[in-house]
């Protein structure tokens, strides 16, 4: 089980990403727009830099929804390899057959 503080920090980042997604997208588009003047593009870059760093989508870490483990993460199942193996052995993951011999 991961530290509760790390899990909560990641959840806080996810909320910030959702909150600032639209504003961040607008500012990025303005900064890349060749039709705008150099000053306007520069101003958009400055406004983008003033946004909270944790509102960037890249800062969100993929974590297992069962244990919070950050490594060995399967995106399709949203869980780590350890949790997948445990739940698969118990027969709780539909369609998963764990071989053992």
PDB file of N, CA and C in Angstrom:
ATOM      1  N   UNK A   1       0.842  -1.186   0.000  1.00  0.00           N
ATOM      2  CA  UNK A   1       0.000   0.000   0.000  1.00  0.00           C
ATOM      3  C   UNK A   1       0.881   1.242   0.000  1.00  0.00           C
ATOM      4  N   UNK A   2       0.569   2.154  -0.880  1.00  0.00           N
ATOM      5  CA  UNK A   2       1.331   3.395  -0.970  1.00  0.00           C
ATOM      6  C   UNK A   2       0.966   4.335   0.179  1.00  0.00           C
ATOM      7  N   UNK A   3       1.834   5.323   0.402  1.00  0.00           N
ATOM      8  CA  UNK A   3       1.555   6.316   1.440  1.00  0.00           C
ATOM      9  C   UNK A   3       0.289   7.090   1.085  1.00  0.00           C
ATOM     10  N   UNK A   4      -0.518   7.317   2.101  1.00  0.00           N
ATOM     11  CA  UNK A   4      -1.772   8.060   1.886  1.00  0.00           C
ATOM     12  C   UNK A   4      -1.503   9.462   1.353  1.00  0.00           C
ATOM     13  N   UNK A   5      -0.415  10.074   1.843  1.00  0.00           N
ATOM     14  CA  UNK A   5      -0.105  11.437   1.415  1.00  0.00           C
ATOM     15  C   UNK A   5       0.219  11.482  -0.079  1.00  0.00           C
ATOM     16  N   UNK A   6       0.908  10.467  -0.590  1.00  0.00           N
ATOM     17  CA  UNK A   6       1.249  10.428  -2.019  1.00  0.00           C
ATOM     18  C   UNK A   6      -0.006  10.237  -2.868  1.00  0.00           C
ATOM     19  N   UNK A   7      -0.906   9.405  -2.399  1.00  0.00           N
ATOM     20  CA  UNK A   7      -2.159   9.174  -3.118  1.00  0.00           C
ATOM     21  C   UNK A   7      -2.998  10.444  -3.142  1.00  0.00           C
ATOM     22  N   UNK A   8      -3.092  11.119  -1.995  1.00  0.00           N
ATOM     23  CA  UNK A   8      -3.879  12.356  -1.906  1.00  0.00           C
ATOM     24  C   UNK A   8      -3.270  13.475  -2.744  1.00  0.00           C
ATOM     25  N   UNK A   9      -1.941  13.555  -2.755  1.00  0.00           N
ATOM     26  CA  UNK A   9      -1.260  14.568  -3.565  1.00  0.00           C
ATOM     27  C   UNK A   9      -1.588  14.374  -5.043  1.00  0.00           C
ATOM     28  N   UNK A  10      -1.617  13.119  -5.469  1.00  0.00           N
ATOM     29  CA  UNK A  10      -1.930  12.812  -6.862  1.00  0.00           C
ATOM     30  C   UNK A  10      -3.389  13.160  -7.183  1.00  0.00           C
ATOM     31  N   UNK A  11      -4.291  12.912  -6.236  1.00  0.00           N
ATOM     32  CA  UNK A  11      -5.697  13.257  -6.439  1.00  0.00           C
ATOM     33  C   UNK A  11      -5.872  14.768  -6.541  1.00  0.00           C
ATOM     34  N   UNK A  12      -5.120  15.506  -5.719  1.00  0.00           N
ATOM     35  CA  UNK A  12      -5.161  16.965  -5.761  1.00  0.00           C
ATOM     36  C   UNK A  12      -4.691  17.454  -7.130  1.00  0.00           C
ATOM     37  N   UNK A  13      -3.635  16.842  -7.652  1.00  0.00           N
ATOM     38  CA  UNK A  13      -3.137  17.209  -8.983  1.00  0.00           C
ATOM     39  C   UNK A  13      -4.187  16.937 -10.054  1.00  0.00           C
ATOM     40  N   UNK A  14      -4.880  15.805  -9.956  1.00  0.00           N
ATOM     41  CA  UNK A  14      -5.912  15.476 -10.929  1.00  0.00           C
ATOM     42  C   UNK A  14      -7.028  16.518 -10.919  1.00  0.00           C
ATOM     43  N   UNK A  15      -7.413  16.973  -9.713  1.00  0.00           N
ATOM     44  CA  UNK A  15      -8.448  18.012  -9.612  1.00  0.00           C
ATOM     45  C   UNK A  15      -7.984  19.319 -10.246  1.00  0.00           C
ATOM     46  N   UNK A  16      -6.710  19.690 -10.007  1.00  0.00           N
ATOM     47  CA  UNK A  16      -6.169  20.926 -10.592  1.00  0.00           C
ATOM     48  C   UNK A  16      -6.106  20.842 -12.111  1.00  0.00           C
ATOM     49  N   UNK A  17      -5.732  19.683 -12.625  1.00  0.00           N
ATOM     50  CA  UNK A  17      -5.667  19.494 -14.078  1.00  0.00           C
ATOM     51  C   UNK A  17      -7.041  19.713 -14.687  1.00  0.00           C
ATOM     52  N   UNK A  18      -8.056  19.129 -14.058  1.00  0.00           N
ATOM     53  CA  UNK A  18      -9.420  19.260 -14.558  1.00  0.00           C
ATOM     54  C   UNK A  18      -9.889  20.722 -14.491  1.00  0.00           C
ATOM     55  N   UNK A  19      -9.536  21.403 -13.411  1.00  0.00           N
ATOM     56  CA  UNK A  19      -9.967  22.787 -13.202  1.00  0.00           C
ATOM     57  C   UNK A  19      -9.366  23.734 -14.243  1.00  0.00           C
ATOM     58  N   UNK A  20      -8.075  23.581 -14.541  1.00  0.00           N
ATOM     59  CA  UNK A  20      -7.368  24.508 -15.422  1.00  0.00           C
ATOM     60  C   UNK A  20      -7.217  24.020 -16.860  1.00  0.00           C
ATOM     61  N   UNK A  21      -7.807  22.878 -17.211  1.00  0.00           N
ATOM     62  CA  UNK A  21      -7.603  22.291 -18.537  1.00  0.00           C
ATOM     63  C   UNK A  21      -7.998  23.238 -19.671  1.00  0.00           C
ATOM     64  N   UNK A  22      -9.162  23.850 -19.555  1.00  0.00           N
ATOM     65  CA  UNK A  22      -9.660  24.714 -20.627  1.00  0.00           C
ATOM     66  C   UNK A  22      -8.789  25.968 -20.776  1.00  0.00           C
ATOM     67  N   UNK A  23      -8.477  26.614 -19.657  1.00  0.00           N
ATOM     68  CA  UNK A  23      -7.656  27.828 -19.683  1.00  0.00           C
ATOM     69  C   UNK A  23      -6.259  27.534 -20.230  1.00  0.00           C
ATOM     70  N   UNK A  24      -5.697  26.408 -19.796  1.00  0.00           N
ATOM     71  CA  UNK A  24      -4.365  26.008 -20.239  1.00  0.00           C
ATOM     72  C   UNK A  24      -4.353  25.754 -21.757  1.00  0.00           C
ATOM     73  N   UNK A  25      -5.399  25.107 -22.264  1.00  0.00           N
ATOM     74  CA  UNK A  25      -5.491  24.817 -23.694  1.00  0.00           C
ATOM     75  C   UNK A  25      -5.588  26.111 -24.516  1.00  0.00           C
ATOM     76  N   UNK A  26      -6.380  27.064 -24.021  1.00  0.00           N
ATOM     77  CA  UNK A  26      -6.521  28.349 -24.722  1.00  0.00           C
ATOM     78  C   UNK A  26      -5.185  29.092 -24.783  1.00  0.00           C
ATOM     79  N   UNK A  27      -4.487  29.138 -23.654  1.00  0.00           N
ATOM     80  CA  UNK A  27      -3.208  29.845 -23.603  1.00  0.00           C
ATOM     81  C   UNK A  27      -2.149  29.168 -24.469  1.00  0.00           C
ATOM     82  N   UNK A  28      -2.143  27.856 -24.493  1.00  0.00           N
ATOM     83  CA  UNK A  28      -1.192  27.129 -25.345  1.00  0.00           C
ATOM     84  C   UNK A  28      -1.460  27.407 -26.814  1.00  0.00           C
ATOM     85  N   UNK A  29      -2.752  27.414 -27.185  1.00  0.00           N
ATOM     86  CA  UNK A  29      -3.121  27.692 -28.577  1.00  0.00           C
ATOM     87  C   UNK A  29      -2.706  29.113 -28.961  1.00  0.00           C
ATOM     88  N   UNK A  30      -2.896  30.061 -28.048  1.00  0.00           N
ATOM     89  CA  UNK A  30      -2.522  31.455 -28.322  1.00  0.00           C
ATOM     90  C   UNK A  30      -1.007  31.589 -28.444  1.00  0.00           C
ATOM     91  N   UNK A  31      -0.269  30.851 -27.635  1.00  0.00           N
ATOM     92  CA  UNK A  31       1.193  30.936 -27.662  1.00  0.00           C
ATOM     93  C   UNK A  31       1.764  30.349 -28.951  1.00  0.00           C
ATOM     94  N   UNK A  32       1.065  29.395 -29.539  1.00  0.00           N
ATOM     95  CA  UNK A  32       1.552  28.749 -30.762  1.00  0.00           C
ATOM     96  C   UNK A  32       1.024  29.402 -32.038  1.00  0.00           C
ATOM     97  N   UNK A  33      -0.001  30.265 -31.904  1.00  0.00           N
ATOM     98  CA  UNK A  33      -0.656  30.879 -33.065  1.00  0.00           C
ATOM     99  C   UNK A  33       0.281  31.855 -33.768  1.00  0.00           C
ATOM    100  N   UNK A  34       0.643  31.529 -35.002  1.00  0.00           N
ATOM    101  CA  UNK A  34       1.551  32.368 -35.789  1.00  0.00           C
ATOM    102  C   UNK A  34       0.874  33.676 -36.229  1.00  0.00           C
ATOM    103  N   UNK A  35      -0.460  33.704 -36.243  1.00  0.00           N
ATOM    104  CA  UNK A  35      -1.195  34.885 -36.673  1.00  0.00           C
ATOM    105  C   UNK A  35      -1.140  36.031 -35.668  1.00  0.00           C
ATOM    106  N   UNK A  36      -0.891  35.722 -34.426  1.00  0.00           N
ATOM    107  CA  UNK A  36      -0.810  36.761 -33.394  1.00  0.00           C
ATOM    108  C   UNK A  36       0.554  37.441 -33.417  1.00  0.00           C
ATOM    109  N   UNK A  37       0.597  38.634 -32.870  1.00  0.00           N
ATOM    110  CA  UNK A  37       1.873  39.345 -32.795  1.00  0.00           C
ATOM    111  C   UNK A  37       2.784  38.683 -31.770  1.00  0.00           C
ATOM    112  N   UNK A  38       4.044  39.015 -31.832  1.00  0.00           N
ATOM    113  CA  UNK A  38       5.040  38.433 -30.940  1.00  0.00           C
ATOM    114  C   UNK A  38       4.749  38.787 -29.480  1.00  0.00           C
ATOM    115  N   UNK A  39       4.271  40.017 -29.243  1.00  0.00           N
ATOM    116  CA  UNK A  39       3.969  40.457 -27.882  1.00  0.00           C
ATOM    117  C   UNK A  39       2.794  39.674 -27.286  1.00  0.00           C
ATOM    118  N   UNK A  40       1.769  39.433 -28.109  1.00  0.00           N
ATOM    119  CA  UNK A  40       0.602  38.690 -27.638  1.00  0.00           C
ATOM    120  C   UNK A  40       0.967  37.243 -27.308  1.00  0.00           C
ATOM    121  N   UNK A  41       1.788  36.650 -28.142  1.00  0.00           N
ATOM    122  CA  UNK A  41       2.226  35.274 -27.895  1.00  0.00           C
ATOM    123  C   UNK A  41       3.078  35.195 -26.625  1.00  0.00           C
ATOM    124  N   UNK A  42       3.919  36.193 -26.437  1.00  0.00           N
ATOM    125  CA  UNK A  42       4.772  36.245 -25.253  1.00  0.00           C
ATOM    126  C   UNK A  42       3.922  36.419 -23.988  1.00  0.00           C
ATOM    127  N   UNK A  43       2.895  37.258 -24.089  1.00  0.00           N
ATOM    128  CA  UNK A  43       1.990  37.476 -22.948  1.00  0.00           C
ATOM    129  C   UNK A  43       1.250  36.186 -22.594  1.00  0.00           C
ATOM    130  N   UNK A  44       0.861  35.421 -23.625  1.00  0.00           N
ATOM    131  CA  UNK A  44       0.184  34.142 -23.376  1.00  0.00           C
ATOM    132  C   UNK A  44       1.125  33.174 -22.668  1.00  0.00           C
ATOM    133  N   UNK A  45       2.401  33.184 -23.059  1.00  0.00           N
ATOM    134  CA  UNK A  45       3.401  32.317 -22.402  1.00  0.00           C
ATOM    135  C   UNK A  45       3.578  32.706 -20.929  1.00  0.00           C
ATOM    136  N   UNK A  46       3.580  34.017 -20.662  1.00  0.00           N
ATOM    137  CA  UNK A  46       3.724  34.479 -19.282  1.00  0.00           C
ATOM    138  C   UNK A  46       2.518  34.067 -18.424  1.00  0.00           C
ATOM    139  N   UNK A  47       1.312  34.190 -18.991  1.00  0.00           N
ATOM    140  CA  UNK A  47       0.108  33.780 -18.267  1.00  0.00           C
ATOM    141  C   UNK A  47       0.119  32.270 -18.020  1.00  0.00           C
ATOM    142  N   UNK A  48       0.611  31.531 -18.995  1.00  0.00           N
ATOM    143  CA  UNK A  48       0.710  30.080 -18.856  1.00  0.00           C
ATOM    144  C   UNK A  48       1.676  29.707 -17.739  1.00  0.00           C
ATOM    145  N   UNK A  49       2.756  30.466 -17.628  1.00  0.00           N
ATOM    146  CA  UNK A  49       3.749  30.199 -16.592  1.00  0.00           C
ATOM    147  C   UNK A  49       3.225  30.547 -15.200  1.00  0.00           C
ATOM    148  N   UNK A  50       2.245  31.458 -15.126  1.00  0.00           N
ATOM    149  CA  UNK A  50       1.690  31.852 -13.833  1.00  0.00           C
ATOM    150  C   UNK A  50       0.703  30.830 -13.272  1.00  0.00           C
ATOM    151  N   UNK A  51       0.203  29.933 -14.125  1.00  0.00           N
ATOM    152  CA  UNK A  51      -0.713  28.901 -13.650  1.00  0.00           C
ATOM    153  C   UNK A  51       0.036  27.947 -12.713  1.00  0.00           C
ATOM    154  N   UNK A  52      -0.680  27.292 -11.807  1.00  0.00           N
ATOM    155  CA  UNK A  52      -0.008  26.355 -10.894  1.00  0.00           C
ATOM    156  C   UNK A  52       0.673  25.226 -11.672  1.00  0.00           C
ATOM    157  N   UNK A  53       1.852  24.843 -11.228  1.00  0.00           N
ATOM    158  CA  UNK A  53       2.590  23.785 -11.920  1.00  0.00           C
ATOM    159  C   UNK A  53       1.842  22.461 -11.884  1.00  0.00           C
ATOM    160  N   UNK A  54       1.160  22.202 -10.786  1.00  0.00           N
ATOM    161  CA  UNK A  54       0.437  20.940 -10.672  1.00  0.00           C
ATOM    162  C   UNK A  54      -0.815  20.884 -11.536  1.00  0.00           C
ATOM    163  N   UNK A  55      -1.119  21.948 -12.263  1.00  0.00           N
ATOM    164  CA  UNK A  55      -2.259  21.910 -13.173  1.00  0.00           C
ATOM    165  C   UNK A  55      -1.860  21.365 -14.540  1.00  0.00           C
ATOM    166  N   UNK A  56      -0.578  21.040 -14.713  1.00  0.00           N
ATOM    167  CA  UNK A  56      -0.118  20.430 -15.961  1.00  0.00           C
ATOM    168  C   UNK A  56      -0.413  18.938 -15.915  1.00  0.00           C
ATOM    169  N   UNK A  57      -0.970  18.423 -16.991  1.00  0.00           N
ATOM    170  CA  UNK A  57      -1.392  17.018 -17.035  1.00  0.00           C
ATOM    171  C   UNK A  57      -0.221  16.053 -16.881  1.00  0.00           C
ATOM    172  N   UNK A  58       0.952  16.468 -17.292  1.00  0.00           N
ATOM    173  CA  UNK A  58       2.129  15.604 -17.249  1.00  0.00           C
ATOM    174  C   UNK A  58       2.541  15.267 -15.821  1.00  0.00           C
ATOM    175  N   UNK A  59       2.128  16.069 -14.853  1.00  0.00           N
ATOM    176  CA  UNK A  59       2.545  15.859 -13.460  1.00  0.00           C
ATOM    177  C   UNK A  59       1.690  14.834 -12.712  1.00  0.00           C
ATOM    178  N   UNK A  60       0.609  14.381 -13.340  1.00  0.00           N
ATOM    179  CA  UNK A  60      -0.234  13.360 -12.719  1.00  0.00           C
ATOM    180  C   UNK A  60       0.408  11.998 -12.938  1.00  0.00           C
ATOM    181  N   UNK A  61       0.498  11.222 -11.878  1.00  0.00           N
ATOM    182  CA  UNK A  61       1.136   9.911 -11.922  1.00  0.00           C
ATOM    183  C   UNK A  61       0.067   8.829 -12.007  1.00  0.00           C
ATOM    184  N   UNK A  62       0.269   7.853 -12.893  1.00  0.00           N
ATOM    185  CA  UNK A  62      -0.647   6.719 -12.959  1.00  0.00           C
ATOM    186  C   UNK A  62      -0.442   5.850 -11.724  1.00  0.00           C
ATOM    187  N   UNK A  63      -1.516   5.633 -10.976  1.00  0.00           N
ATOM    188  CA  UNK A  63      -1.436   4.820  -9.761  1.00  0.00           C
ATOM    189  C   UNK A  63      -2.535   3.771  -9.757  1.00  0.00           C
ATOM    190  N   UNK A  64      -2.228   2.651  -9.137  1.00  0.00           N
ATOM    191  CA  UNK A  64      -3.184   1.557  -8.987  1.00  0.00           C
ATOM    192  C   UNK A  64      -4.372   2.048  -8.160  1.00  0.00           C
ATOM    193  N   UNK A  65      -5.594   1.763  -8.609  1.00  0.00           N
ATOM    194  CA  UNK A  65      -6.778   2.191  -7.876  1.00  0.00           C
ATOM    195  C   UNK A  65      -7.029   1.328  -6.645  1.00  0.00           C
ATOM    196  N   UNK A  66      -6.430   0.149  -6.593  1.00  0.00           N
ATOM    197  CA  UNK A  66      -6.625  -0.746  -5.453  1.00  0.00           C
ATOM    198  C   UNK A  66      -5.626  -0.428  -4.347  1.00  0.00           C
ATOM    199  N   UNK A  67      -4.337  -0.356  -4.711  1.00  0.00           N
ATOM    200  CA  UNK A  67      -3.284  -0.195  -3.701  1.00  0.00           C
ATOM    201  C   UNK A  67      -2.601   1.159  -3.715  1.00  0.00           C
ATOM    202  N   UNK A  68      -2.695   1.890  -4.818  1.00  0.00           N
ATOM    203  CA  UNK A  68      -2.011   3.172  -4.930  1.00  0.00           C
ATOM    204  C   UNK A  68      -0.581   3.046  -5.425  1.00  0.00           C
ATOM    205  N   UNK A  69      -0.173   1.830  -5.768  1.00  0.00           N
ATOM    206  CA  UNK A  69       1.194   1.581  -6.230  1.00  0.00           C
ATOM    207  C   UNK A  69       1.447   2.301  -7.553  1.00  0.00           C
ATOM    208  N   UNK A  70       2.588   3.042  -7.665  1.00  0.00           N
ATOM    209  CA  UNK A  70       2.849   3.808  -8.885  1.00  0.00           C
ATOM    210  C   UNK A  70       3.564   3.023  -9.996  1.00  0.00           C
ATOM    211  N   UNK A  71       4.135   1.897  -9.679  1.00  0.00           N
ATOM    212  CA  UNK A  71       4.903   1.151 -10.685  1.00  0.00           C
ATOM    213  C   UNK A  71       4.200  -0.139 -11.068  1.00  0.00           C
ATOM    214  N   UNK A  72       4.539  -0.646 -12.243  1.00  0.00           N
ATOM    215  CA  UNK A  72       3.918  -1.874 -12.723  1.00  0.00           C
ATOM    216  C   UNK A  72       2.440  -1.671 -12.977  1.00  0.00           C
ATOM    217  N   UNK A  73       2.083  -0.549 -13.596  1.00  0.00           N
ATOM    218  CA  UNK A  73       0.691  -0.123 -13.772  1.00  0.00           C
ATOM    219  C   UNK A  73       0.183  -0.540 -15.152  1.00  0.00           C
ATOM    220  N   UNK A  74      -0.965  -1.195 -15.186  1.00  0.00           N
ATOM    221  CA  UNK A  74      -1.630  -1.546 -16.441  1.00  0.00           C
ATOM    222  C   UNK A  74      -2.721  -0.517 -16.698  1.00  0.00           C
ATOM    223  N   UNK A  75      -2.565   0.266 -17.761  1.00  0.00           N
ATOM    224  CA  UNK A  75      -3.522   1.336 -18.044  1.00  0.00           C
ATOM    225  C   UNK A  75      -4.923   0.819 -18.321  1.00  0.00           C
ATOM    226  N   UNK A  76      -4.985  -0.285 -19.042  1.00  0.00           N
ATOM    227  CA  UNK A  76      -6.282  -0.825 -19.433  1.00  0.00           C
ATOM    228  C   UNK A  76      -7.121  -1.229 -18.214  1.00  0.00           C
ATOM    229  N   UNK A  77      -6.464  -1.744 -17.183  1.00  0.00           N
ATOM    230  CA  UNK A  77      -7.162  -2.227 -16.001  1.00  0.00           C
ATOM    231  C   UNK A  77      -7.113  -1.244 -14.836  1.00  0.00           C
ATOM    232  N   UNK A  78      -6.275  -0.217 -14.949  1.00  0.00           N
ATOM    233  CA  UNK A  78      -6.080   0.797 -13.908  1.00  0.00           C
ATOM    234  C   UNK A  78      -5.639   0.184 -12.584  1.00  0.00           C
ATOM    235  N   UNK A  79      -4.777  -0.834 -12.674  1.00  0.00           N
ATOM    236  CA  UNK A  79      -4.238  -1.430 -11.457  1.00  0.00           C
ATOM    237  C   UNK A  79      -2.826  -1.952 -11.702  1.00  0.00           C
ATOM    238  N   UNK A  80      -2.134  -2.182 -10.612  1.00  0.00           N
ATOM    239  CA  UNK A  80      -0.748  -2.636 -10.710  1.00  0.00           C
ATOM    240  C   UNK A  80      -0.705  -4.144 -10.946  1.00  0.00           C
ATOM    241  N   UNK A  81       0.461  -4.618 -11.322  1.00  0.00           N
ATOM    242  CA  UNK A  81       0.648  -6.042 -11.593  1.00  0.00           C
ATOM    243  C   UNK A  81       0.428  -6.878 -10.337  1.00  0.00           C
ATOM    244  N   UNK A  82       0.795  -6.335  -9.171  1.00  0.00           N
ATOM    245  CA  UNK A  82       0.650  -7.064  -7.907  1.00  0.00           C
ATOM    246  C   UNK A  82      -0.834  -7.256  -7.577  1.00  0.00           C
ATOM    247  N   UNK A  83      -1.605  -6.169  -7.673  1.00  0.00           N
ATOM    248  CA  UNK A  83      -3.040  -6.242  -7.382  1.00  0.00           C
ATOM    249  C   UNK A  83      -3.744  -7.124  -8.410  1.00  0.00           C
ATOM    250  N   UNK A  84      -3.316  -7.043  -9.667  1.00  0.00           N
ATOM    251  CA  UNK A  84      -3.912  -7.854 -10.726  1.00  0.00           C
ATOM    252  C   UNK A  84      -3.697  -9.336 -10.439  1.00  0.00           C
ATOM    253  N   UNK A  85      -2.504  -9.686  -9.998  1.00  0.00           N
ATOM    254  CA  UNK A  85      -2.201 -11.087  -9.695  1.00  0.00           C
ATOM    255  C   UNK A  85      -3.048 -11.595  -8.519  1.00  0.00           C
ATOM    256  N   UNK A  86      -3.161 -10.784  -7.481  1.00  0.00           N
ATOM    257  CA  UNK A  86      -3.957 -11.190  -6.312  1.00  0.00           C
ATOM    258  C   UNK A  86      -5.424 -11.365  -6.663  1.00  0.00           C
ATOM    259  N   UNK A  87      -5.987 -10.364  -7.353  1.00  0.00           N
ATOM    260  CA  UNK A  87      -7.406 -10.448  -7.711  1.00  0.00           C
ATOM    261  C   UNK A  87      -7.657 -11.530  -8.754  1.00  0.00           C
ATOM    262  N   UNK A  88      -6.678 -11.732  -9.656  1.00  0.00           N
ATOM    263  CA  UNK A  88      -6.806 -12.786 -10.664  1.00  0.00           C
ATOM    264  C   UNK A  88      -6.794 -14.165 -10.041  1.00  0.00           C
ATOM    265  N   UNK A  89      -5.977 -14.353  -9.012  1.00  0.00           N
ATOM    266  CA  UNK A  89      -5.912 -15.646  -8.321  1.00  0.00           C
ATOM    267  C   UNK A  89      -7.222 -15.957  -7.602  1.00  0.00           C
ATOM    268  N   UNK A  90      -7.888 -14.915  -7.122  1.00  0.00           N
ATOM    269  CA  UNK A  90      -9.169 -15.096  -6.434  1.00  0.00           C
ATOM    270  C   UNK A  90     -10.336 -15.213  -7.411  1.00  0.00           C
ATOM    271  N   UNK A  91     -10.061 -14.941  -8.701  1.00  0.00           N
ATOM    272  CA  UNK A  91     -11.109 -15.029  -9.719  1.00  0.00           C
ATOM    273  C   UNK A  91     -12.000 -13.809  -9.777  1.00  0.00           C
ATOM    274  N   UNK A  92     -11.481 -12.655  -9.345  1.00  0.00           N
ATOM    275  CA  UNK A  92     -12.288 -11.436  -9.303  1.00  0.00           C
ATOM    276  C   UNK A  92     -12.143 -10.549 -10.538  1.00  0.00           C
ATOM    277  N   UNK A  93     -11.220 -10.916 -11.450  1.00  0.00           N
ATOM    278  CA  UNK A  93     -11.049 -10.140 -12.682  1.00  0.00           C
ATOM    279  C   UNK A  93     -11.685 -10.925 -13.819  1.00  0.00           C
ATOM    280  N   UNK A  94     -12.782 -10.420 -14.412  1.00  0.00           N
ATOM    281  CA  UNK A  94     -13.473 -11.154 -15.472  1.00  0.00           C
ATOM    282  C   UNK A  94     -12.565 -11.341 -16.688  1.00  0.00           C
ATOM    283  N   UNK A  95     -12.553 -12.561 -17.202  1.00  0.00           N
ATOM    284  CA  UNK A  95     -11.779 -12.859 -18.409  1.00  0.00           C
ATOM    285  C   UNK A  95     -10.317 -13.186 -18.166  1.00  0.00           C
ATOM    286  N   UNK A  96      -9.854 -13.093 -16.939  1.00  0.00           N
ATOM    287  CA  UNK A  96      -8.461 -13.365 -16.626  1.00  0.00           C
ATOM    288  C   UNK A  96      -8.325 -14.765 -16.046  1.00  0.00           C
ATOM    289  N   UNK A  97      -7.471 -15.564 -16.672  1.00  0.00           N
ATOM    290  CA  UNK A  97      -7.208 -16.904 -16.164  1.00  0.00           C
ATOM    291  C   UNK A  97      -5.740 -16.969 -15.822  1.00  0.00           C
ATOM    292  N   UNK A  98      -5.436 -17.097 -14.540  1.00  0.00           N
ATOM    293  CA  UNK A  98      -4.036 -17.166 -14.106  1.00  0.00           C
ATOM    294  C   UNK A  98      -3.592 -18.612 -14.111  1.00  0.00           C
ATOM    295  N   UNK A  99      -2.521 -18.879 -14.818  1.00  0.00           N
ATOM    296  CA  UNK A  99      -2.028 -20.256 -14.868  1.00  0.00           C
ATOM    297  C   UNK A  99      -1.130 -20.530 -13.669  1.00  0.00           C
ATOM    298  N   UNK A 100      -1.207 -21.729 -13.154  1.00  0.00           N
ATOM    299  CA  UNK A 100      -0.310 -22.161 -12.097  1.00  0.00           C
ATOM    300  C   UNK A 100      -0.079 -23.647 -12.262  1.00  0.00           C
ATOM    301  N   UNK A 101       1.134 -24.084 -12.055  1.00  0.00           N
ATOM    302  CA  UNK A 101       1.445 -25.511 -12.216  1.00  0.00           C
ATOM    303  C   UNK A 101       2.371 -25.994 -11.152  1.00  0.00           C
TER     304      UNK A 101
END
